[in-house]
Amino acid sequence: MKTTQKIATFVVTAFIAVVFLLGNAANAQAKAKPWPVPDKDKALKPSVKLTDASVIATGKELWAKHCKSCHGSKGLGDGPKSASLKTHPGDFSSAAFQAFTDGELFYRTNKGRDEMPAYEKKIPEANDRWALVAFMRTMKK
């Protein structure tokens, strides 16, 4: 085989391998397991008015400090740390995400799981965690 053919074969093989590996990494990251929330928590009602501008502003500040690095500034799951996660951090602007109850979002923020930390102790004030929920609600498409 000529050197040119060997190089071409190598380049094509390497390209296919890279595409395969990237595809598998993306698929592995995209498959999030179900995250059940107890019924009592699904029904939980906010202790603050989620449409209040000052509550949303507080949520935005907390988001920038605690959430943006994984979830991105607009909640698209494109933060600087997202590529290194095993599970995609989700698209908070999606209809599926926005369909979760306020209680479900609050529960998941509080409890965390896997790579998602629990914020019950990191953000000790419940009203501040509700402010995060208020800010998440502003991300819908």
Protein backbone atom coordinates (compact mmCIF):
# COMPACT_ATOMS: atom_id res chain seq x y z
CA MET A 1 0.00 0.00 0.00
CA LYS A 2 1.33 3.42 -0.85
CA THR A 3 2.15 5.88 1.92
CA THR A 4 -0.59 8.27 0.75
CA GLN A 5 -3.19 5.50 0.96
CA LYS A 6 -1.97 4.50 4.43
CA ILE A 7 -2.25 8.09 5.64
CA ALA A 8 -5.71 8.46 4.11
CA THR A 9 -6.85 5.19 5.69
CA PHE A 10 -5.47 6.27 9.05
CA VAL A 11 -7.17 9.70 8.86
CA VAL A 12 -10.54 8.17 7.92
CA THR A 13 -10.26 5.54 10.67
CA ALA A 14 -9.28 8.16 13.25
CA PHE A 15 -12.17 10.40 12.18
CA ILE A 16 -14.68 7.55 12.50
CA ALA A 17 -13.28 6.65 15.93
CA VAL A 18 -13.58 10.24 17.16
CA VAL A 19 -17.17 10.55 15.87
CA PHE A 20 -18.05 7.23 17.53
CA LEU A 21 -16.51 8.21 20.86
CA LEU A 22 -18.13 11.63 20.89
CA GLY A 23 -21.49 10.12 20.01
CA ASN A 24 -21.25 7.58 22.80
CA ALA A 25 -20.18 10.23 25.32
CA ALA A 26 -23.11 12.44 24.32
CA ASN A 27 -25.56 9.53 24.55
CA ALA A 28 -24.21 8.45 27.93
CA GLN A 29 -24.50 11.99 29.26
CA ALA A 30 -27.97 12.53 27.82
CA LYS A 31 -29.58 9.49 29.50
CA ALA A 32 -30.74 10.71 32.88
CA LYS A 33 -32.43 8.20 35.11
CA PRO A 34 -35.89 9.03 36.48
CA TRP A 35 -35.91 11.30 39.52
CA PRO A 36 -39.02 10.50 41.54
CA VAL A 37 -40.32 13.07 44.00
CA PRO A 38 -42.60 12.05 46.89
CA ASP A 39 -46.21 13.16 46.40
CA LYS A 40 -46.17 15.31 49.53
CA ASP A 41 -43.19 17.22 48.14
CA LYS A 42 -44.75 17.57 44.67
CA ALA A 43 -47.68 19.34 46.29
CA LEU A 44 -45.53 21.69 48.39
CA LYS A 45 -46.42 25.36 47.90
CA PRO A 46 -43.91 28.23 47.88
CA SER A 47 -43.44 30.34 51.00
CA VAL A 48 -42.74 33.38 48.79
CA LYS A 49 -44.46 34.89 45.77
CA LEU A 50 -42.55 33.40 42.82
CA THR A 51 -43.49 36.27 40.52
CA ASP A 52 -42.16 38.99 42.86
CA ALA A 53 -39.29 40.87 41.17
CA SER A 54 -37.16 40.96 44.33
CA VAL A 55 -37.59 37.20 44.84
CA ILE A 56 -36.56 36.55 41.22
CA ALA A 57 -33.57 38.88 41.64
CA THR A 58 -32.47 36.94 44.73
CA GLY A 59 -32.86 33.71 42.79
CA LYS A 60 -30.77 35.08 39.93
CA GLU A 61 -27.94 36.01 42.33
CA LEU A 62 -28.02 32.56 43.94
CA TRP A 63 -28.14 30.93 40.50
CA ALA A 64 -25.00 32.79 39.43
CA LYS A 65 -23.21 31.62 42.58
CA HIS A 66 -24.40 28.00 42.85
CA CYS A 67 -25.97 26.79 39.60
CA LYS A 68 -24.62 28.59 36.56
CA SER A 69 -21.38 26.58 36.34
CA CYS A 70 -23.30 23.41 35.42
CA HIS A 71 -26.71 24.58 34.24
CA GLY A 72 -25.53 27.67 32.32
CA SER A 73 -26.71 31.26 32.62
CA LYS A 74 -30.01 30.53 30.84
CA GLY A 75 -30.56 27.03 32.25
CA LEU A 76 -29.77 25.25 28.98
CA GLY A 77 -27.38 22.80 30.64
CA ASP A 78 -24.40 24.39 28.94
CA GLY A 79 -22.37 25.72 31.86
CA PRO A 80 -18.57 25.40 31.79
CA LYS A 81 -18.65 22.29 34.02
CA SER A 82 -21.46 20.54 32.10
CA ALA A 83 -19.19 18.73 29.62
CA SER A 84 -17.41 16.93 32.46
CA LEU A 85 -20.62 15.64 34.06
CA LYS A 86 -21.86 12.08 33.63
CA THR A 87 -25.47 13.26 33.34
CA HIS A 88 -26.61 16.24 31.30
CA PRO A 89 -27.80 18.99 33.69
CA GLY A 90 -31.03 19.46 31.74
CA ASP A 91 -32.70 22.21 29.76
CA PHE A 92 -34.70 24.32 32.18
CA SER A 93 -36.31 26.24 29.31
CA SER A 94 -38.02 23.10 27.98
CA ALA A 95 -41.74 22.49 28.34
CA ALA A 96 -40.99 19.18 30.10
CA PHE A 97 -38.92 20.92 32.78
CA GLN A 98 -41.37 23.79 33.21
CA ALA A 99 -44.18 21.23 33.68
CA PHE A 100 -42.67 20.13 37.01
CA THR A 101 -44.51 21.49 40.03
CA ASP A 102 -42.87 24.16 42.16
CA GLY A 103 -42.63 21.53 44.89
CA GLU A 104 -40.73 19.14 42.60
CA LEU A 105 -38.18 21.82 41.73
CA PHE A 106 -37.82 22.78 45.39
CA TYR A 107 -37.36 19.12 46.42
CA ARG A 108 -34.70 18.47 43.79
CA THR A 109 -32.85 21.66 44.74
CA ASN A 110 -32.96 20.67 48.40
CA LYS A 111 -32.04 17.01 48.12
CA GLY A 112 -29.85 16.78 45.02
CA ARG A 113 -28.63 13.43 43.71
CA ASP A 114 -25.53 12.02 42.08
CA GLU A 115 -23.54 15.00 40.74
CA MET A 116 -26.28 17.48 41.66
CA PRO A 117 -25.45 18.71 45.19
CA ALA A 118 -28.08 19.12 47.88
CA TYR A 119 -28.66 22.78 48.69
CA GLU A 120 -30.66 22.33 51.89
CA LYS A 121 -27.55 23.15 53.94
CA LYS A 122 -25.58 25.19 51.38
CA ILE A 123 -28.50 27.65 51.12
CA PRO A 124 -30.01 27.37 54.60
CA GLU A 125 -32.93 29.80 54.13
CA ALA A 126 -35.93 28.05 52.54
CA ASN A 127 -37.09 31.36 51.05
CA ASP A 128 -33.79 31.62 49.19
CA ARG A 129 -34.23 28.12 47.75
CA TRP A 130 -37.74 29.14 46.71
CA ALA A 131 -36.17 32.18 45.05
CA LEU A 132 -34.12 29.77 42.94
CA VAL A 133 -37.38 28.11 41.87
CA ALA A 134 -38.74 31.56 40.98
CA PHE A 135 -35.69 32.23 38.82
CA MET A 136 -35.98 28.79 37.15
CA ARG A 137 -39.53 29.73 36.14
CA THR A 138 -38.18 32.73 34.17
CA MET A 139 -36.22 30.37 31.89
CA LYS A 140 -39.15 28.99 29.93
CA LYS A 141 -39.11 29.38 26.15
